[in-house]
Amino acid sequence: GWFRQAPGKAREFVAAITWSGSSTYYA
């Protein structure tokens, strides 16, 4: 997965991908 964190904010989800790459998920 990819996450991001801006100054003063909580870390948030951006995107994820399965082990094979067959499925992806996005904020």
PDB file of all heavy atoms in Angstrom:
ATOM      1  N   GLY A   1       0.804  -1.213   0.000  1.00  0.00           N
ATOM      2  CA  GLY A   1       0.000   0.000   0.000  1.00  0.00           C
ATOM      3  C   GLY A   1       0.838   1.264   0.000  1.00  0.00           C
ATOM      4  O   GLY A   1       2.029   1.235   0.322  1.00  0.00           O
ATOM      5  N   TRP A   2       0.195   2.344  -0.395  1.00  0.00           N
ATOM      6  CA  TRP A   2       0.771   3.696  -0.310  1.00  0.00           C
ATOM      7  C   TRP A   2      -0.083   4.518   0.644  1.00  0.00           C
ATOM      8  O   TRP A   2      -1.315   4.494   0.578  1.00  0.00           O
ATOM      9  CB  TRP A   2       0.782   4.385  -1.670  1.00  0.00           C
ATOM     10  CG  TRP A   2       1.821   3.900  -2.623  1.00  0.00           C
ATOM     11  CD1 TRP A   2       1.649   3.031  -3.656  1.00  0.00           C
ATOM     12  CD2 TRP A   2       3.203   4.274  -2.646  1.00  0.00           C
ATOM     13  NE1 TRP A   2       2.838   2.827  -4.318  1.00  0.00           N
ATOM     14  CE2 TRP A   2       3.812   3.588  -3.714  1.00  0.00           C
ATOM     15  CE3 TRP A   2       3.998   5.125  -1.870  1.00  0.00           C
ATOM     16  CZ2 TRP A   2       5.168   3.718  -4.043  1.00  0.00           C
ATOM     17  CZ3 TRP A   2       5.341   5.258  -2.182  1.00  0.00           C
ATOM     18  CH2 TRP A   2       5.915   4.562  -3.251  1.00  0.00           C
ATOM     19  N   PHE A   3       0.583   5.249   1.496  1.00  0.00           N
ATOM     20  CA  PHE A   3      -0.063   6.161   2.423  1.00  0.00           C
ATOM     21  C   PHE A   3       0.638   7.508   2.332  1.00  0.00           C
ATOM     22  O   PHE A   3       1.744   7.596   1.795  1.00  0.00           O
ATOM     23  CB  PHE A   3       0.034   5.630   3.866  1.00  0.00           C
ATOM     24  CG  PHE A   3      -0.805   4.409   4.119  1.00  0.00           C
ATOM     25  CD1 PHE A   3      -0.382   3.163   3.672  1.00  0.00           C
ATOM     26  CD2 PHE A   3      -1.998   4.495   4.795  1.00  0.00           C
ATOM     27  CE1 PHE A   3      -1.150   2.021   3.894  1.00  0.00           C
ATOM     28  CE2 PHE A   3      -2.775   3.369   5.036  1.00  0.00           C
ATOM     29  CZ  PHE A   3      -2.339   2.136   4.579  1.00  0.00           C
ATOM     30  N   ARG A   4       0.017   8.536   2.869  1.00  0.00           N
ATOM     31  CA  ARG A   4       0.666   9.848   2.911  1.00  0.00           C
ATOM     32  C   ARG A   4       0.311  10.559   4.212  1.00  0.00           C
ATOM     33  O   ARG A   4      -0.734  10.296   4.811  1.00  0.00           O
ATOM     34  CB  ARG A   4       0.258  10.706   1.706  1.00  0.00           C
ATOM     35  CG  ARG A   4      -1.222  11.069   1.651  1.00  0.00           C
ATOM     36  CD  ARG A   4      -1.563  11.720   0.318  1.00  0.00           C
ATOM     37  NE  ARG A   4      -2.980  12.049   0.230  1.00  0.00           N
ATOM     38  CZ  ARG A   4      -3.574  12.435  -0.898  1.00  0.00           C
ATOM     39  NH1 ARG A   4      -2.882  12.538  -2.024  1.00  0.00           N
ATOM     40  NH2 ARG A   4      -4.870  12.721  -0.884  1.00  0.00           N
ATOM     41  N   GLN A   5       1.205  11.448   4.612  1.00  0.00           N
ATOM     42  CA  GLN A   5       0.996  12.197   5.835  1.00  0.00           C
ATOM     43  C   GLN A   5       1.435  13.635   5.641  1.00  0.00           C
ATOM     44  O   GLN A   5       2.613  13.894   5.379  1.00  0.00           O
ATOM     45  CB  GLN A   5       1.758  11.560   6.991  1.00  0.00           C
ATOM     46  CG  GLN A   5       1.448  12.180   8.342  1.00  0.00           C
ATOM     47  CD  GLN A   5       1.947  11.334   9.480  1.00  0.00           C
ATOM     48  OE1 GLN A   5       2.830  10.485   9.321  1.00  0.00           O
ATOM     49  NE2 GLN A   5       1.389  11.540  10.666  1.00  0.00           N
ATOM     50  N   ALA A   6       0.471  14.538   5.757  1.00  0.00           N
ATOM     51  CA  ALA A   6       0.750  15.961   5.676  1.00  0.00           C
ATOM     52  C   ALA A   6       1.075  16.476   7.077  1.00  0.00           C
ATOM     53  O   ALA A   6       0.678  15.882   8.079  1.00  0.00           O
ATOM     54  CB  ALA A   6      -0.454  16.694   5.104  1.00  0.00           C
ATOM     55  N   PRO A   7       1.781  17.604   7.167  1.00  0.00           N
ATOM     56  CA  PRO A   7       2.138  18.153   8.471  1.00  0.00           C
ATOM     57  C   PRO A   7       0.906  18.374   9.340  1.00  0.00           C
ATOM     58  O   PRO A   7      -0.080  18.966   8.895  1.00  0.00           O
ATOM     59  CB  PRO A   7       2.812  19.481   8.116  1.00  0.00           C
ATOM     60  CG  PRO A   7       3.349  19.263   6.750  1.00  0.00           C
ATOM     61  CD  PRO A   7       2.357  18.379   6.058  1.00  0.00           C
ATOM     62  N   GLY A   8       0.955  17.880  10.573  1.00  0.00           N
ATOM     63  CA  GLY A   8      -0.141  18.079  11.503  1.00  0.00           C
ATOM     64  C   GLY A   8      -1.356  17.214  11.277  1.00  0.00           C
ATOM     65  O   GLY A   8      -2.375  17.382  11.957  1.00  0.00           O
ATOM     66  N   LYS A   9      -1.259  16.293  10.326  1.00  0.00           N
ATOM     67  CA  LYS A   9      -2.405  15.435  10.021  1.00  0.00           C
ATOM     68  C   LYS A   9      -2.041  13.974  10.214  1.00  0.00           C
ATOM     69  O   LYS A   9      -0.867  13.592  10.237  1.00  0.00           O
ATOM     70  CB  LYS A   9      -2.887  15.679   8.596  1.00  0.00           C
ATOM     71  CG  LYS A   9      -3.448  17.071   8.362  1.00  0.00           C
ATOM     72  CD  LYS A   9      -4.097  17.167   6.997  1.00  0.00           C
ATOM     73  CE  LYS A   9      -4.747  18.530   6.797  1.00  0.00           C
ATOM     74  NZ  LYS A   9      -5.428  18.636   5.475  1.00  0.00           N
ATOM     75  N   ALA A  10      -3.076  13.152  10.323  1.00  0.00           N
ATOM     76  CA  ALA A  10      -2.855  11.720  10.456  1.00  0.00           C
ATOM     77  C   ALA A  10      -2.434  11.117   9.120  1.00  0.00           C
ATOM     78  O   ALA A  10      -2.722  11.669   8.057  1.00  0.00           O
ATOM     79  CB  ALA A  10      -4.137  11.044  10.945  1.00  0.00           C
ATOM     80  N   ARG A  11      -1.760   9.992   9.206  1.00  0.00           N
ATOM     81  CA  ARG A  11      -1.393   9.275   7.987  1.00  0.00           C
ATOM     82  C   ARG A  11      -2.656   8.719   7.343  1.00  0.00           C
ATOM     83  O   ARG A  11      -3.509   8.137   8.021  1.00  0.00           O
ATOM     84  CB  ARG A  11      -0.423   8.152   8.334  1.00  0.00           C
ATOM     85  CG  ARG A  11       0.269   7.536   7.159  1.00  0.00           C
ATOM     86  CD  ARG A  11       1.417   6.645   7.604  1.00  0.00           C
ATOM     87  NE  ARG A  11       2.453   7.412   8.312  1.00  0.00           N
ATOM     88  CZ  ARG A  11       3.645   6.913   8.633  1.00  0.00           C
ATOM     89  NH1 ARG A  11       3.965   5.671   8.307  1.00  0.00           N
ATOM     90  NH2 ARG A  11       4.516   7.659   9.288  1.00  0.00           N
ATOM     91  N   GLU A  12      -2.769   8.895   6.025  1.00  0.00           N
ATOM     92  CA  GLU A  12      -3.978   8.471   5.352  1.00  0.00           C
ATOM     93  C   GLU A  12      -3.685   7.535   4.185  1.00  0.00           C
ATOM     94  O   GLU A  12      -2.636   7.633   3.536  1.00  0.00           O
ATOM     95  CB  GLU A  12      -4.776   9.683   4.842  1.00  0.00           C
ATOM     96  CG  GLU A  12      -4.104  10.484   3.762  1.00  0.00           C
ATOM     97  CD  GLU A  12      -5.026  11.562   3.184  1.00  0.00           C
ATOM     98  OE1 GLU A  12      -6.169  11.716   3.657  1.00  0.00           O
ATOM     99  OE2 GLU A  12      -4.585  12.245   2.232  1.00  0.00           O
ATOM    100  N   PHE A  13      -4.635   6.672   3.933  1.00  0.00           N
ATOM    101  CA  PHE A  13      -4.532   5.703   2.850  1.00  0.00           C
ATOM    102  C   PHE A  13      -4.613   6.396   1.502  1.00  0.00           C
ATOM    103  O   PHE A  13      -5.421   7.311   1.307  1.00  0.00           O
ATOM    104  CB  PHE A  13      -5.666   4.690   2.994  1.00  0.00           C
ATOM    105  CG  PHE A  13      -5.851   3.796   1.811  1.00  0.00           C
ATOM    106  CD1 PHE A  13      -4.945   2.769   1.558  1.00  0.00           C
ATOM    107  CD2 PHE A  13      -6.916   3.969   0.943  1.00  0.00           C
ATOM    108  CE1 PHE A  13      -5.103   1.935   0.464  1.00  0.00           C
ATOM    109  CE2 PHE A  13      -7.097   3.139  -0.141  1.00  0.00           C
ATOM    110  CZ  PHE A  13      -6.191   2.121  -0.384  1.00  0.00           C
ATOM    111  N   VAL A  14      -3.803   5.915   0.566  1.00  0.00           N
ATOM    112  CA  VAL A  14      -3.834   6.433  -0.797  1.00  0.00           C
ATOM    113  C   VAL A  14      -4.252   5.335  -1.777  1.00  0.00           C
ATOM    114  O   VAL A  14      -5.193   5.502  -2.542  1.00  0.00           O
ATOM    115  CB  VAL A  14      -2.469   7.004  -1.206  1.00  0.00           C
ATOM    116  CG1 VAL A  14      -2.484   7.440  -2.665  1.00  0.00           C
ATOM    117  CG2 VAL A  14      -2.066   8.161  -0.297  1.00  0.00           C
ATOM    118  N   ALA A  15      -3.530   4.209  -1.750  1.00  0.00           N
ATOM    119  CA  ALA A  15      -3.808   3.135  -2.700  1.00  0.00           C
ATOM    120  C   ALA A  15      -3.218   1.829  -2.181  1.00  0.00           C
ATOM    121  O   ALA A  15      -2.278   1.840  -1.393  1.00  0.00           O
ATOM    122  CB  ALA A  15      -3.232   3.463  -4.070  1.00  0.00           C
ATOM    123  N   ALA A  16      -3.783   0.722  -2.661  1.00  0.00           N
ATOM    124  CA  ALA A  16      -3.270  -0.590  -2.303  1.00  0.00           C
ATOM    125  C   ALA A  16      -3.369  -1.512  -3.506  1.00  0.00           C
ATOM    126  O   ALA A  16      -4.173  -1.283  -4.417  1.00  0.00           O
ATOM    127  CB  ALA A  16      -4.036  -1.176  -1.119  1.00  0.00           C
ATOM    128  N   ILE A  17      -2.552  -2.557  -3.476  1.00  0.00           N
ATOM    129  CA  ILE A  17      -2.524  -3.497  -4.589  1.00  0.00           C
ATOM    130  C   ILE A  17      -2.304  -4.893  -4.040  1.00  0.00           C
ATOM    131  O   ILE A  17      -1.550  -5.085  -3.081  1.00  0.00           O
ATOM    132  CB  ILE A  17      -1.410  -3.102  -5.590  1.00  0.00           C
ATOM    133  CG1 ILE A  17      -1.465  -3.950  -6.856  1.00  0.00           C
ATOM    134  CG2 ILE A  17      -0.029  -3.168  -4.938  1.00  0.00           C
ATOM    135  CD1 ILE A  17      -0.593  -3.383  -7.987  1.00  0.00           C
ATOM    136  N   THR A  18      -2.972  -5.873  -4.632  1.00  0.00           N
ATOM    137  CA  THR A  18      -2.807  -7.248  -4.192  1.00  0.00           C
ATOM    138  C   THR A  18      -1.436  -7.794  -4.585  1.00  0.00           C
ATOM    139  O   THR A  18      -0.709  -7.176  -5.359  1.00  0.00           O
ATOM    140  CB  THR A  18      -3.894  -8.144  -4.795  1.00  0.00           C
ATOM    141  OG1 THR A  18      -3.896  -7.980  -6.222  1.00  0.00           O
ATOM    142  CG2 THR A  18      -5.261  -7.787  -4.241  1.00  0.00           C
ATOM    143  N   TRP A  19      -1.075  -8.935  -4.062  1.00  0.00           N
ATOM    144  CA  TRP A  19       0.236  -9.542  -4.253  1.00  0.00           C
ATOM    145  C   TRP A  19       0.542  -9.782  -5.727  1.00  0.00           C
ATOM    146  O   TRP A  19       1.680  -9.659  -6.144  1.00  0.00           O
ATOM    147  CB  TRP A  19       0.330 -10.851  -3.470  1.00  0.00           C
ATOM    148  CG  TRP A  19      -0.870 -11.721  -3.678  1.00  0.00           C
ATOM    149  CD1 TRP A  19      -1.017 -12.747  -4.557  1.00  0.00           C
ATOM    150  CD2 TRP A  19      -2.130 -11.604  -2.976  1.00  0.00           C
ATOM    151  NE1 TRP A  19      -2.284 -13.255  -4.475  1.00  0.00           N
ATOM    152  CE2 TRP A  19      -2.979 -12.595  -3.509  1.00  0.00           C
ATOM    153  CE3 TRP A  19      -2.617 -10.765  -1.978  1.00  0.00           C
ATOM    154  CZ2 TRP A  19      -4.284 -12.764  -3.057  1.00  0.00           C
ATOM    155  CZ3 TRP A  19      -3.918 -10.937  -1.538  1.00  0.00           C
ATOM    156  CH2 TRP A  19      -4.730 -11.928  -2.075  1.00  0.00           C
ATOM    157  N   SER A  20      -0.468 -10.113  -6.508  1.00  0.00           N
ATOM    158  CA  SER A  20      -0.257 -10.378  -7.926  1.00  0.00           C
ATOM    159  C   SER A  20      -0.421  -9.139  -8.785  1.00  0.00           C
ATOM    160  O   SER A  20      -0.056  -9.136  -9.964  1.00  0.00           O
ATOM    161  CB  SER A  20      -1.241 -11.438  -8.412  1.00  0.00           C
ATOM    162  OG  SER A  20      -2.570 -10.924  -8.331  1.00  0.00           O
ATOM    163  N   GLY A  21      -0.998  -8.104  -8.210  1.00  0.00           N
ATOM    164  CA  GLY A  21      -1.289  -6.897  -8.969  1.00  0.00           C
ATOM    165  C   GLY A  21      -2.617  -6.947  -9.699  1.00  0.00           C
ATOM    166  O   GLY A  21      -2.953  -6.009 -10.425  1.00  0.00           O
ATOM    167  N   SER A  22      -3.378  -7.990  -9.490  1.00  0.00           N
ATOM    168  CA  SER A  22      -4.622  -8.163 -10.234  1.00  0.00           C
ATOM    169  C   SER A  22      -5.739  -7.238  -9.753  1.00  0.00           C
ATOM    170  O   SER A  22      -6.678  -6.955 -10.503  1.00  0.00           O
ATOM    171  CB  SER A  22      -5.089  -9.611 -10.157  1.00  0.00           C
ATOM    172  OG  SER A  22      -5.324  -9.988  -8.806  1.00  0.00           O
ATOM    173  N   SER A  23      -5.639  -6.791  -8.512  1.00  0.00           N
ATOM    174  CA  SER A  23      -6.661  -5.888  -7.972  1.00  0.00           C
ATOM    175  C   SER A  23      -5.996  -4.685  -7.315  1.00  0.00           C
ATOM    176  O   SER A  23      -4.946  -4.820  -6.673  1.00  0.00           O
ATOM    177  CB  SER A  23      -7.526  -6.605  -6.937  1.00  0.00           C
ATOM    178  OG  SER A  23      -8.283  -7.631  -7.537  1.00  0.00           O
ATOM    179  N   THR A  24      -6.625  -3.539  -7.501  1.00  0.00           N
ATOM    180  CA  THR A  24      -6.124  -2.302  -6.921  1.00  0.00           C
ATOM    181  C   THR A  24      -7.259  -1.556  -6.223  1.00  0.00           C
ATOM    182  O   THR A  24      -8.433  -1.726  -6.572  1.00  0.00           O
ATOM    183  CB  THR A  24      -5.508  -1.399  -7.986  1.00  0.00           C
ATOM    184  OG1 THR A  24      -6.487  -1.141  -9.008  1.00  0.00           O
ATOM    185  CG2 THR A  24      -4.280  -2.044  -8.621  1.00  0.00           C
ATOM    186  N   TYR A  25      -6.893  -0.735  -5.262  1.00  0.00           N
ATOM    187  CA  TYR A  25      -7.861  -0.011  -4.449  1.00  0.00           C
ATOM    188  C   TYR A  25      -7.338   1.404  -4.232  1.00  0.00           C
ATOM    189  O   TYR A  25      -6.135   1.598  -4.054  1.00  0.00           O
ATOM    190  CB  TYR A  25      -8.039  -0.709  -3.095  1.00  0.00           C
ATOM    191  CG  TYR A  25      -8.361  -2.178  -3.217  1.00  0.00           C
ATOM    192  CD1 TYR A  25      -7.336  -3.119  -3.346  1.00  0.00           C
ATOM    193  CD2 TYR A  25      -9.670  -2.628  -3.263  1.00  0.00           C
ATOM    194  CE1 TYR A  25      -7.617  -4.471  -3.491  1.00  0.00           C
ATOM    195  CE2 TYR A  25      -9.962  -3.969  -3.395  1.00  0.00           C
ATOM    196  CZ  TYR A  25      -8.928  -4.889  -3.517  1.00  0.00           C
ATOM    197  OH  TYR A  25      -9.207  -6.222  -3.673  1.00  0.00           O
ATOM    198  N   TYR A  26      -8.260   2.373  -4.224  1.00  0.00           N
ATOM    199  CA  TYR A  26      -7.857   3.768  -4.124  1.00  0.00           C
ATOM    200  C   TYR A  26      -8.732   4.541  -3.155  1.00  0.00           C
ATOM    201  O   TYR A  26      -9.926   4.259  -3.004  1.00  0.00           O
ATOM    202  CB  TYR A  26      -7.955   4.441  -5.495  1.00  0.00           C
ATOM    203  CG  TYR A  26      -7.040   3.855  -6.535  1.00  0.00           C
ATOM    204  CD1 TYR A  26      -7.477   2.862  -7.399  1.00  0.00           C
ATOM    205  CD2 TYR A  26      -5.725   4.297  -6.649  1.00  0.00           C
ATOM    206  CE1 TYR A  26      -6.628   2.316  -8.349  1.00  0.00           C
ATOM    207  CE2 TYR A  26      -4.874   3.758  -7.600  1.00  0.00           C
ATOM    208  CZ  TYR A  26      -5.325   2.767  -8.438  1.00  0.00           C
ATOM    209  OH  TYR A  26      -4.483   2.236  -9.372  1.00  0.00           O
ATOM    210  N   ALA A  27      -8.134   5.547  -2.539  1.00  0.00           N
ATOM    211  CA  ALA A  27      -8.920   6.518  -1.806  1.00  0.00           C
ATOM    212  C   ALA A  27      -9.753   7.296  -2.821  1.00  0.00           C
ATOM    213  O   ALA A  27      -9.311   7.536  -3.948  1.00  0.00           O
ATOM    214  CB  ALA A  27      -8.008   7.465  -1.038  1.00  0.00           C
TER     215      ALA A  27
END
